[in-house]
Amino acid sequence: MEAEHAEQFEAGMAQVEAVVNKHVQVSNAEIRRRLMPVVSVKTASMGVVNELIEVGSDFVSVRSERTGSIRTVTYGQLRDAANQTRNGVIVRTLAQVVGLYVP
């Protein structure tokens, strides 16, 4: 019985690891495809609406409704959203939208 539970635990941990490392497998084309229908995103922490103004082959540009500033975020930054500090809030918000980050 314990051996069966140990196997189930290992299988469950493998699934968790696959979800955590999922970002490694998402191509730029897939990220772009997921972002194309998105018009704007609202950051959870500040509630600021950011309009997507350009979705490129390896980046997305957003304009803050509050400040009017434009930020360009690479898809590499989205894949590494948990470790981003520069523009971290918008990076994590965009990464969450495309399924690359879970808060």
PDB file of N, CA and C in Angstrom:
ATOM      1  N   MET A   1       0.828  -1.191   0.000  1.00  0.00           N
ATOM      2  CA  MET A   1       0.000   0.000   0.000  1.00  0.00           C
ATOM      3  C   MET A   1       0.872   1.254   0.000  1.00  0.00           C
ATOM      4  N   GLU A   2       1.924   1.262   0.839  1.00  0.00           N
ATOM      5  CA  GLU A   2       2.805   2.426   0.889  1.00  0.00           C
ATOM      6  C   GLU A   2       3.527   2.641  -0.428  1.00  0.00           C
ATOM      7  N   ALA A   3       3.907   1.561  -1.075  1.00  0.00           N
ATOM      8  CA  ALA A   3       4.592   1.663  -2.362  1.00  0.00           C
ATOM      9  C   ALA A   3       3.673   2.297  -3.400  1.00  0.00           C
ATOM     10  N   GLU A   4       2.396   1.938  -3.367  1.00  0.00           N
ATOM     11  CA  GLU A   4       1.422   2.505  -4.304  1.00  0.00           C
ATOM     12  C   GLU A   4       1.263   4.002  -4.068  1.00  0.00           C
ATOM     13  N   HIS A   5       1.203   4.402  -2.803  1.00  0.00           N
ATOM     14  CA  HIS A   5       1.091   5.830  -2.475  1.00  0.00           C
ATOM     15  C   HIS A   5       2.346   6.585  -2.891  1.00  0.00           C
ATOM     16  N   ALA A   6       3.495   5.966  -2.717  1.00  0.00           N
ATOM     17  CA  ALA A   6       4.753   6.603  -3.116  1.00  0.00           C
ATOM     18  C   ALA A   6       4.780   6.822  -4.622  1.00  0.00           C
ATOM     19  N   GLU A   7       4.294   5.849  -5.387  1.00  0.00           N
ATOM     20  CA  GLU A   7       4.247   5.992  -6.844  1.00  0.00           C
ATOM     21  C   GLU A   7       3.286   7.102  -7.247  1.00  0.00           C
ATOM     22  N   GLN A   8       2.136   7.158  -6.592  1.00  0.00           N
ATOM     23  CA  GLN A   8       1.163   8.207  -6.888  1.00  0.00           C
ATOM     24  C   GLN A   8       1.733   9.586  -6.551  1.00  0.00           C
ATOM     25  N   PHE A   9       2.446   9.658  -5.430  1.00  0.00           N
ATOM     26  CA  PHE A   9       3.065  10.916  -5.031  1.00  0.00           C
ATOM     27  C   PHE A   9       4.083  11.357  -6.078  1.00  0.00           C
ATOM     28  N   GLU A  10       4.935  10.438  -6.515  1.00  0.00           N
ATOM     29  CA  GLU A  10       5.954  10.755  -7.526  1.00  0.00           C
ATOM     30  C   GLU A  10       5.303  11.199  -8.823  1.00  0.00           C
ATOM     31  N   ALA A  11       4.242  10.522  -9.224  1.00  0.00           N
ATOM     32  CA  ALA A  11       3.542  10.895 -10.453  1.00  0.00           C
ATOM     33  C   ALA A  11       2.937  12.295 -10.317  1.00  0.00           C
ATOM     34  N   GLY A  12       2.366  12.567  -9.143  1.00  0.00           N
ATOM     35  CA  GLY A  12       1.806  13.902  -8.896  1.00  0.00           C
ATOM     36  C   GLY A  12       2.869  14.975  -8.917  1.00  0.00           C
ATOM     37  N   MET A  13       4.015  14.716  -8.317  1.00  0.00           N
ATOM     38  CA  MET A  13       5.117  15.687  -8.314  1.00  0.00           C
ATOM     39  C   MET A  13       5.630  15.931  -9.731  1.00  0.00           C
ATOM     40  N   ALA A  14       5.661  14.903 -10.553  1.00  0.00           N
ATOM     41  CA  ALA A  14       6.095  15.063 -11.943  1.00  0.00           C
ATOM     42  C   ALA A  14       5.131  15.973 -12.691  1.00  0.00           C
ATOM     43  N   GLN A  15       3.827  15.833 -12.417  1.00  0.00           N
ATOM     44  CA  GLN A  15       2.845  16.706 -13.053  1.00  0.00           C
ATOM     45  C   GLN A  15       3.022  18.153 -12.596  1.00  0.00           C
ATOM     46  N   VAL A  16       3.256  18.352 -11.308  1.00  0.00           N
ATOM     47  CA  VAL A  16       3.479  19.702 -10.783  1.00  0.00           C
ATOM     48  C   VAL A  16       4.711  20.317 -11.438  1.00  0.00           C
ATOM     49  N   GLU A  17       5.785  19.539 -11.527  1.00  0.00           N
ATOM     50  CA  GLU A  17       7.009  20.040 -12.144  1.00  0.00           C
ATOM     51  C   GLU A  17       6.773  20.402 -13.605  1.00  0.00           C
ATOM     52  N   ALA A  18       5.984  19.608 -14.313  1.00  0.00           N
ATOM     53  CA  ALA A  18       5.683  19.903 -15.712  1.00  0.00           C
ATOM     54  C   ALA A  18       4.922  21.214 -15.833  1.00  0.00           C
ATOM     55  N   VAL A  19       3.992  21.475 -14.910  1.00  0.00           N
ATOM     56  CA  VAL A  19       3.233  22.733 -14.938  1.00  0.00           C
ATOM     57  C   VAL A  19       4.152  23.905 -14.614  1.00  0.00           C
ATOM     58  N   VAL A  20       4.996  23.754 -13.612  1.00  0.00           N
ATOM     59  CA  VAL A  20       5.909  24.821 -13.210  1.00  0.00           C
ATOM     60  C   VAL A  20       6.886  25.153 -14.341  1.00  0.00           C
ATOM     61  N   ASN A  21       7.351  24.141 -15.042  1.00  0.00           N
ATOM     62  CA  ASN A  21       8.316  24.351 -16.119  1.00  0.00           C
ATOM     63  C   ASN A  21       7.663  24.509 -17.480  1.00  0.00           C
ATOM     64  N   LYS A  22       6.369  24.646 -17.509  1.00  0.00           N
ATOM     65  CA  LYS A  22       5.611  24.744 -18.746  1.00  0.00           C
ATOM     66  C   LYS A  22       6.104  25.883 -19.642  1.00  0.00           C
ATOM     67  N   HIS A  23       6.512  26.983 -19.034  1.00  0.00           N
ATOM     68  CA  HIS A  23       6.924  28.154 -19.803  1.00  0.00           C
ATOM     69  C   HIS A  23       8.071  27.865 -20.754  1.00  0.00           C
ATOM     70  N   VAL A  24       8.881  26.879 -20.452  1.00  0.00           N
ATOM     71  CA  VAL A  24      10.025  26.553 -21.284  1.00  0.00           C
ATOM     72  C   VAL A  24       9.567  26.072 -22.652  1.00  0.00           C
ATOM     73  N   GLN A  25       8.397  25.439 -22.725  1.00  0.00           N
ATOM     74  CA  GLN A  25       7.925  24.804 -23.942  1.00  0.00           C
ATOM     75  C   GLN A  25       7.095  25.714 -24.843  1.00  0.00           C
ATOM     76  N   VAL A  26       6.774  26.918 -24.428  1.00  0.00           N
ATOM     77  CA  VAL A  26       5.905  27.787 -25.208  1.00  0.00           C
ATOM     78  C   VAL A  26       6.743  28.636 -26.162  1.00  0.00           C
ATOM     79  N   SER A  27       6.459  28.514 -27.448  1.00  0.00           N
ATOM     80  CA  SER A  27       7.225  29.235 -28.471  1.00  0.00           C
ATOM     81  C   SER A  27       6.783  30.692 -28.566  1.00  0.00           C
ATOM     82  N   ASN A  28       7.620  31.501 -29.200  1.00  0.00           N
ATOM     83  CA  ASN A  28       7.256  32.898 -29.441  1.00  0.00           C
ATOM     84  C   ASN A  28       5.974  32.987 -30.263  1.00  0.00           C
ATOM     85  N   ALA A  29       5.833  32.110 -31.260  1.00  0.00           N
ATOM     86  CA  ALA A  29       4.638  32.130 -32.107  1.00  0.00           C
ATOM     87  C   ALA A  29       3.382  31.844 -31.287  1.00  0.00           C
ATOM     88  N   GLU A  30       3.489  30.919 -30.334  1.00  0.00           N
ATOM     89  CA  GLU A  30       2.336  30.590 -29.496  1.00  0.00           C
ATOM     90  C   GLU A  30       2.003  31.744 -28.546  1.00  0.00           C
ATOM     91  N   ILE A  31       3.012  32.378 -27.971  1.00  0.00           N
ATOM     92  CA  ILE A  31       2.769  33.540 -27.101  1.00  0.00           C
ATOM     93  C   ILE A  31       2.091  34.642 -27.906  1.00  0.00           C
ATOM     94  N   ARG A  32       2.599  34.891 -29.098  1.00  0.00           N
ATOM     95  CA  ARG A  32       2.015  35.925 -29.971  1.00  0.00           C
ATOM     96  C   ARG A  32       0.555  35.592 -30.285  1.00  0.00           C
ATOM     97  N   ARG A  33       0.281  34.328 -30.615  1.00  0.00           N
ATOM     98  CA  ARG A  33      -1.079  33.897 -30.937  1.00  0.00           C
ATOM     99  C   ARG A  33      -2.016  34.135 -29.750  1.00  0.00           C
ATOM    100  N   ARG A  34      -1.531  33.867 -28.544  1.00  0.00           N
ATOM    101  CA  ARG A  34      -2.351  34.059 -27.347  1.00  0.00           C
ATOM    102  C   ARG A  34      -2.587  35.533 -27.040  1.00  0.00           C
ATOM    103  N   LEU A  35      -1.636  36.398 -27.410  1.00  0.00           N
ATOM    104  CA  LEU A  35      -1.775  37.830 -27.127  1.00  0.00           C
ATOM    105  C   LEU A  35      -2.585  38.582 -28.178  1.00  0.00           C
ATOM    106  N   MET A  36      -2.652  38.071 -29.394  1.00  0.00           N
ATOM    107  CA  MET A  36      -3.305  38.798 -30.495  1.00  0.00           C
ATOM    108  C   MET A  36      -4.744  39.240 -30.186  1.00  0.00           C
ATOM    109  N   PRO A  37      -5.579  38.407 -29.575  1.00  0.00           N
ATOM    110  CA  PRO A  37      -6.954  38.857 -29.311  1.00  0.00           C
ATOM    111  C   PRO A  37      -7.092  39.794 -28.107  1.00  0.00           C
ATOM    112  N   VAL A  38      -6.021  39.985 -27.347  1.00  0.00           N
ATOM    113  CA  VAL A  38      -6.092  40.788 -26.124  1.00  0.00           C
ATOM    114  C   VAL A  38      -5.986  42.276 -26.481  1.00  0.00           C
ATOM    115  N   VAL A  39      -6.917  43.064 -25.987  1.00  0.00           N
ATOM    116  CA  VAL A  39      -6.931  44.501 -26.243  1.00  0.00           C
ATOM    117  C   VAL A  39      -6.239  45.259 -25.120  1.00  0.00           C
ATOM    118  N   SER A  40      -6.525  44.853 -23.883  1.00  0.00           N
ATOM    119  CA  SER A  40      -5.926  45.509 -22.726  1.00  0.00           C
ATOM    120  C   SER A  40      -5.888  44.534 -21.555  1.00  0.00           C
ATOM    121  N   VAL A  41      -5.038  44.861 -20.573  1.00  0.00           N
ATOM    122  CA  VAL A  41      -4.948  44.076 -19.345  1.00  0.00           C
ATOM    123  C   VAL A  41      -4.982  45.042 -18.166  1.00  0.00           C
ATOM    124  N   LYS A  42      -5.474  44.552 -17.042  1.00  0.00           N
ATOM    125  CA  LYS A  42      -5.549  45.362 -15.827  1.00  0.00           C
ATOM    126  C   LYS A  42      -4.682  44.699 -14.774  1.00  0.00           C
ATOM    127  N   THR A  43      -3.724  45.457 -14.236  1.00  0.00           N
ATOM    128  CA  THR A  43      -2.842  44.885 -13.213  1.00  0.00           C
ATOM    129  C   THR A  43      -3.630  44.668 -11.935  1.00  0.00           C
ATOM    130  N   ALA A  44      -3.376  43.526 -11.306  1.00  0.00           N
ATOM    131  CA  ALA A  44      -4.119  43.161 -10.093  1.00  0.00           C
ATOM    132  C   ALA A  44      -3.751  44.056  -8.917  1.00  0.00           C
ATOM    133  N   SER A  45      -2.465  44.356  -8.778  1.00  0.00           N
ATOM    134  CA  SER A  45      -2.026  45.085  -7.583  1.00  0.00           C
ATOM    135  C   SER A  45      -2.406  46.560  -7.604  1.00  0.00           C
ATOM    136  N   MET A  46      -2.329  47.187  -8.752  1.00  0.00           N
ATOM    137  CA  MET A  46      -2.586  48.622  -8.837  1.00  0.00           C
ATOM    138  C   MET A  46      -3.908  48.958  -9.537  1.00  0.00           C
ATOM    139  N   GLY A  47      -4.467  47.997 -10.256  1.00  0.00           N
ATOM    140  CA  GLY A  47      -5.710  48.240 -10.980  1.00  0.00           C
ATOM    141  C   GLY A  47      -5.543  49.150 -12.175  1.00  0.00           C
ATOM    142  N   VAL A  48      -4.332  49.229 -12.717  1.00  0.00           N
ATOM    143  CA  VAL A  48      -4.054  50.104 -13.862  1.00  0.00           C
ATOM    144  C   VAL A  48      -4.328  49.341 -15.158  1.00  0.00           C
ATOM    145  N   VAL A  49      -5.080  49.959 -16.039  1.00  0.00           N
ATOM    146  CA  VAL A  49      -5.358  49.371 -17.344  1.00  0.00           C
ATOM    147  C   VAL A  49      -4.198  49.697 -18.277  1.00  0.00           C
ATOM    148  N   ASN A  50      -3.718  48.676 -18.989  1.00  0.00           N
ATOM    149  CA  ASN A  50      -2.647  48.834 -19.966  1.00  0.00           C
ATOM    150  C   ASN A  50      -3.148  48.332 -21.305  1.00  0.00           C
ATOM    151  N   GLU A  51      -3.106  49.198 -22.314  1.00  0.00           N
ATOM    152  CA  GLU A  51      -3.561  48.864 -23.653  1.00  0.00           C
ATOM    153  C   GLU A  51      -2.415  48.223 -24.434  1.00  0.00           C
ATOM    154  N   LEU A  52      -2.675  47.098 -25.076  1.00  0.00           N
ATOM    155  CA  LEU A  52      -1.677  46.489 -25.944  1.00  0.00           C
ATOM    156  C   LEU A  52      -1.678  47.267 -27.252  1.00  0.00           C
ATOM    157  N   ILE A  53      -0.549  47.881 -27.583  1.00  0.00           N
ATOM    158  CA  ILE A  53      -0.496  48.693 -28.794  1.00  0.00           C
ATOM    159  C   ILE A  53       0.238  48.001 -29.933  1.00  0.00           C
ATOM    160  N   GLU A  54       1.075  47.000 -29.616  1.00  0.00           N
ATOM    161  CA  GLU A  54       1.751  46.242 -30.662  1.00  0.00           C
ATOM    162  C   GLU A  54       2.127  44.863 -30.125  1.00  0.00           C
ATOM    163  N   VAL A  55       1.812  43.850 -30.904  1.00  0.00           N
ATOM    164  CA  VAL A  55       2.214  42.479 -30.584  1.00  0.00           C
ATOM    165  C   VAL A  55       3.147  42.043 -31.699  1.00  0.00           C
ATOM    166  N   GLY A  56       4.441  41.996 -31.389  1.00  0.00           N
ATOM    167  CA  GLY A  56       5.441  41.644 -32.384  1.00  0.00           C
ATOM    168  C   GLY A  56       5.759  40.159 -32.365  1.00  0.00           C
ATOM    169  N   SER A  57       6.781  39.791 -33.125  1.00  0.00           N
ATOM    170  CA  SER A  57       7.160  38.377 -33.204  1.00  0.00           C
ATOM    171  C   SER A  57       7.865  37.901 -31.940  1.00  0.00           C
ATOM    172  N   ASP A  58       8.473  38.827 -31.167  1.00  0.00           N
ATOM    173  CA  ASP A  58       9.150  38.427 -29.929  1.00  0.00           C
ATOM    174  C   ASP A  58       8.991  39.452 -28.812  1.00  0.00           C
ATOM    175  N   PHE A  59       7.995  40.326 -28.931  1.00  0.00           N
ATOM    176  CA  PHE A  59       7.750  41.349 -27.903  1.00  0.00           C
ATOM    177  C   PHE A  59       6.305  41.821 -27.964  1.00  0.00           C
ATOM    178  N   VAL A  60       5.888  42.508 -26.893  1.00  0.00           N
ATOM    179  CA  VAL A  60       4.593  43.175 -26.856  1.00  0.00           C
ATOM    180  C   VAL A  60       4.829  44.559 -26.260  1.00  0.00           C
ATOM    181  N   SER A  61       4.175  45.559 -26.814  1.00  0.00           N
ATOM    182  CA  SER A  61       4.265  46.918 -26.279  1.00  0.00           C
ATOM    183  C   SER A  61       2.912  47.301 -25.698  1.00  0.00           C
ATOM    184  N   VAL A  62       2.958  47.891 -24.503  1.00  0.00           N
ATOM    185  CA  VAL A  62       1.733  48.298 -23.818  1.00  0.00           C
ATOM    186  C   VAL A  62       1.837  49.765 -23.404  1.00  0.00           C
ATOM    187  N   ARG A  63       0.683  50.435 -23.375  1.00  0.00           N
ATOM    188  CA  ARG A  63       0.622  51.828 -22.935  1.00  0.00           C
ATOM    189  C   ARG A  63      -0.218  51.892 -21.674  1.00  0.00           C
ATOM    190  N   SER A  64       0.341  52.502 -20.625  1.00  0.00           N
ATOM    191  CA  SER A  64      -0.359  52.655 -19.361  1.00  0.00           C
ATOM    192  C   SER A  64      -1.439  53.720 -19.510  1.00  0.00           C
ATOM    193  N   GLU A  65      -2.657  53.377 -19.107  1.00  0.00           N
ATOM    194  CA  GLU A  65      -3.750  54.339 -19.147  1.00  0.00           C
ATOM    195  C   GLU A  65      -3.522  55.459 -18.136  1.00  0.00           C
ATOM    196  N   ARG A  66      -2.847  55.135 -17.040  1.00  0.00           N
ATOM    197  CA  ARG A  66      -2.618  56.116 -15.975  1.00  0.00           C
ATOM    198  C   ARG A  66      -1.535  57.124 -16.347  1.00  0.00           C
ATOM    199  N   THR A  67      -0.401  56.638 -16.845  1.00  0.00           N
ATOM    200  CA  THR A  67       0.739  57.530 -17.099  1.00  0.00           C
ATOM    201  C   THR A  67       0.957  57.841 -18.576  1.00  0.00           C
ATOM    202  N   GLY A  68       0.430  57.011 -19.449  1.00  0.00           N
ATOM    203  CA  GLY A  68       0.657  57.191 -20.874  1.00  0.00           C
ATOM    204  C   GLY A  68       1.994  56.638 -21.346  1.00  0.00           C
ATOM    205  N   SER A  69       2.798  56.115 -20.439  1.00  0.00           N
ATOM    206  CA  SER A  69       4.112  55.591 -20.827  1.00  0.00           C
ATOM    207  C   SER A  69       3.956  54.252 -21.558  1.00  0.00           C
ATOM    208  N   ILE A  70       4.875  54.033 -22.500  1.00  0.00           N
ATOM    209  CA  ILE A  70       4.870  52.807 -23.284  1.00  0.00           C
ATOM    210  C   ILE A  70       5.997  51.909 -22.791  1.00  0.00           C
ATOM    211  N   ARG A  71       5.658  50.655 -22.569  1.00  0.00           N
ATOM    212  CA  ARG A  71       6.657  49.666 -22.131  1.00  0.00           C
ATOM    213  C   ARG A  71       6.698  48.544 -23.155  1.00  0.00           C
ATOM    214  N   THR A  72       7.898  48.117 -23.491  1.00  0.00           N
ATOM    215  CA  THR A  72       8.073  46.973 -24.376  1.00  0.00           C
ATOM    216  C   THR A  72       8.568  45.803 -23.539  1.00  0.00           C
ATOM    217  N   VAL A  73       7.876  44.690 -23.652  1.00  0.00           N
ATOM    218  CA  VAL A  73       8.180  43.490 -22.879  1.00  0.00           C
ATOM    219  C   VAL A  73       8.494  42.370 -23.868  1.00  0.00           C
ATOM    220  N   THR A  74       9.650  41.738 -23.699  1.00  0.00           N
ATOM    221  CA  THR A  74      10.001  40.628 -24.578  1.00  0.00           C
ATOM    222  C   THR A  74       9.309  39.353 -24.099  1.00  0.00           C
ATOM    223  N   TYR A  75       9.160  38.405 -25.006  1.00  0.00           N
ATOM    224  CA  TYR A  75       8.548  37.136 -24.632  1.00  0.00           C
ATOM    225  C   TYR A  75       9.457  36.365 -23.672  1.00  0.00           C
ATOM    226  N   GLY A  76      10.754  36.602 -23.748  1.00  0.00           N
ATOM    227  CA  GLY A  76      11.677  36.006 -22.786  1.00  0.00           C
ATOM    228  C   GLY A  76      11.376  36.481 -21.371  1.00  0.00           C
ATOM    229  N   GLN A  77      11.040  37.765 -21.227  1.00  0.00           N
ATOM    230  CA  GLN A  77      10.661  38.294 -19.916  1.00  0.00           C
ATOM    231  C   GLN A  77       9.375  37.634 -19.424  1.00  0.00           C
ATOM    232  N   LEU A  78       8.439  37.375 -20.330  1.00  0.00           N
ATOM    233  CA  LEU A  78       7.200  36.706 -19.934  1.00  0.00           C
ATOM    234  C   LEU A  78       7.481  35.298 -19.434  1.00  0.00           C
ATOM    235  N   ARG A  79       8.403  34.603 -20.101  1.00  0.00           N
ATOM    236  CA  ARG A  79       8.748  33.238 -19.678  1.00  0.00           C
ATOM    237  C   ARG A  79       9.399  33.231 -18.298  1.00  0.00           C
ATOM    238  N   ASP A  80      10.073  34.314 -17.956  1.00  0.00           N
ATOM    239  CA  ASP A  80      10.788  34.419 -16.680  1.00  0.00           C
ATOM    240  C   ASP A  80      10.099  35.422 -15.745  1.00  0.00           C
ATOM    241  N   ALA A  81       8.787  35.495 -15.820  1.00  0.00           N
ATOM    242  CA  ALA A  81       8.018  36.521 -15.112  1.00  0.00           C
ATOM    243  C   ALA A  81       8.244  36.525 -13.607  1.00  0.00           C
ATOM    244  N   ALA A  82       8.416  35.379 -13.018  1.00  0.00           N
ATOM    245  CA  ALA A  82       8.565  35.299 -11.558  1.00  0.00           C
ATOM    246  C   ALA A  82       9.826  35.997 -11.075  1.00  0.00           C
ATOM    247  N   ASN A  83      10.815  36.143 -11.949  1.00  0.00           N
ATOM    248  CA  ASN A  83      12.099  36.738 -11.559  1.00  0.00           C
ATOM    249  C   ASN A  83      12.297  38.159 -12.083  1.00  0.00           C
ATOM    250  N   GLN A  84      11.303  38.730 -12.732  1.00  0.00           N
ATOM    251  CA  GLN A  84      11.441  40.060 -13.310  1.00  0.00           C
ATOM    252  C   GLN A  84      11.194  41.148 -12.265  1.00  0.00           C
ATOM    253  N   THR A  85      12.062  42.153 -12.249  1.00  0.00           N
ATOM    254  CA  THR A  85      11.853  43.292 -11.356  1.00  0.00           C
ATOM    255  C   THR A  85      11.522  44.547 -12.161  1.00  0.00           C
ATOM    256  N   ARG A  86      12.196  44.767 -13.283  1.00  0.00           N
ATOM    257  CA  ARG A  86      11.883  45.917 -14.130  1.00  0.00           C
ATOM    258  C   ARG A  86      10.534  45.660 -14.800  1.00  0.00           C
ATOM    259  N   ASN A  87       9.599  46.563 -14.605  1.00  0.00           N
ATOM    260  CA  ASN A  87       8.236  46.414 -15.131  1.00  0.00           C
ATOM    261  C   ASN A  87       7.586  45.109 -14.662  1.00  0.00           C
ATOM    262  N   GLY A  88       7.961  44.660 -13.483  1.00  0.00           N
ATOM    263  CA  GLY A  88       7.526  43.359 -12.987  1.00  0.00           C
ATOM    264  C   GLY A  88       6.026  43.165 -12.918  1.00  0.00           C
ATOM    265  N   VAL A  89       5.280  44.187 -12.521  1.00  0.00           N
ATOM    266  CA  VAL A  89       3.828  44.039 -12.373  1.00  0.00           C
ATOM    267  C   VAL A  89       3.185  43.775 -13.727  1.00  0.00           C
ATOM    268  N   ILE A  90       3.537  44.557 -14.730  1.00  0.00           N
ATOM    269  CA  ILE A  90       2.925  44.354 -16.054  1.00  0.00           C
ATOM    270  C   ILE A  90       3.446  43.075 -16.692  1.00  0.00           C
ATOM    271  N   VAL A  91       4.710  42.738 -16.469  1.00  0.00           N
ATOM    272  CA  VAL A  91       5.266  41.495 -17.012  1.00  0.00           C
ATOM    273  C   VAL A  91       4.502  40.299 -16.445  1.00  0.00           C
ATOM    274  N   ARG A  92       4.304  40.271 -15.134  1.00  0.00           N
ATOM    275  CA  ARG A  92       3.590  39.153 -14.519  1.00  0.00           C
ATOM    276  C   ARG A  92       2.127  39.113 -14.961  1.00  0.00           C
ATOM    277  N   THR A  93       1.506  40.267 -15.126  1.00  0.00           N
ATOM    278  CA  THR A  93       0.112  40.317 -15.586  1.00  0.00           C
ATOM    279  C   THR A  93      -0.006  39.735 -16.984  1.00  0.00           C
ATOM    280  N   LEU A  94       0.876  40.154 -17.894  1.00  0.00           N
ATOM    281  CA  LEU A  94       0.853  39.624 -19.263  1.00  0.00           C
ATOM    282  C   LEU A  94       1.163  38.128 -19.282  1.00  0.00           C
ATOM    283  N   ALA A  95       2.139  37.715 -18.478  1.00  0.00           N
ATOM    284  CA  ALA A  95       2.503  36.300 -18.421  1.00  0.00           C
ATOM    285  C   ALA A  95       1.331  35.464 -17.907  1.00  0.00           C
ATOM    286  N   GLN A  96       0.583  36.019 -16.967  1.00  0.00           N
ATOM    287  CA  GLN A  96      -0.583  35.322 -16.437  1.00  0.00           C
ATOM    288  C   GLN A  96      -1.652  35.180 -17.522  1.00  0.00           C
ATOM    289  N   VAL A  97      -1.849  36.210 -18.325  1.00  0.00           N
ATOM    290  CA  VAL A  97      -2.841  36.192 -19.400  1.00  0.00           C
ATOM    291  C   VAL A  97      -2.537  35.079 -20.402  1.00  0.00           C
ATOM    292  N   VAL A  98      -1.265  34.876 -20.730  1.00  0.00           N
ATOM    293  CA  VAL A  98      -0.906  33.864 -21.726  1.00  0.00           C
ATOM    294  C   VAL A  98      -0.620  32.505 -21.102  1.00  0.00           C
ATOM    295  N   GLY A  99      -0.765  32.394 -19.774  1.00  0.00           N
ATOM    296  CA  GLY A  99      -0.627  31.111 -19.109  1.00  0.00           C
ATOM    297  C   GLY A  99       0.788  30.733 -18.733  1.00  0.00           C
ATOM    298  N   LEU A 100       1.669  31.711 -18.597  1.00  0.00           N
ATOM    299  CA  LEU A 100       3.071  31.435 -18.255  1.00  0.00           C
ATOM    300  C   LEU A 100       3.402  31.725 -16.803  1.00  0.00           C
ATOM    301  N   TYR A 101       2.454  32.258 -16.062  1.00  0.00           N
ATOM    302  CA  TYR A 101       2.729  32.635 -14.668  1.00  0.00           C
ATOM    303  C   TYR A 101       1.482  32.399 -13.846  1.00  0.00           C
ATOM    304  N   VAL A 102       1.677  31.790 -12.687  1.00  0.00           N
ATOM    305  CA  VAL A 102       0.594  31.595 -11.738  1.00  0.00           C
ATOM    306  C   VAL A 102       1.028  32.254 -10.433  1.00  0.00           C
ATOM    307  N   PRO A 103       0.263  33.275  -9.982  1.00  0.00           N
ATOM    308  CA  PRO A 103       0.665  33.970  -8.757  1.00  0.00           C
ATOM    309  C   PRO A 103       0.585  33.094  -7.523  1.00  0.00           C
TER     310      PRO A 103
END
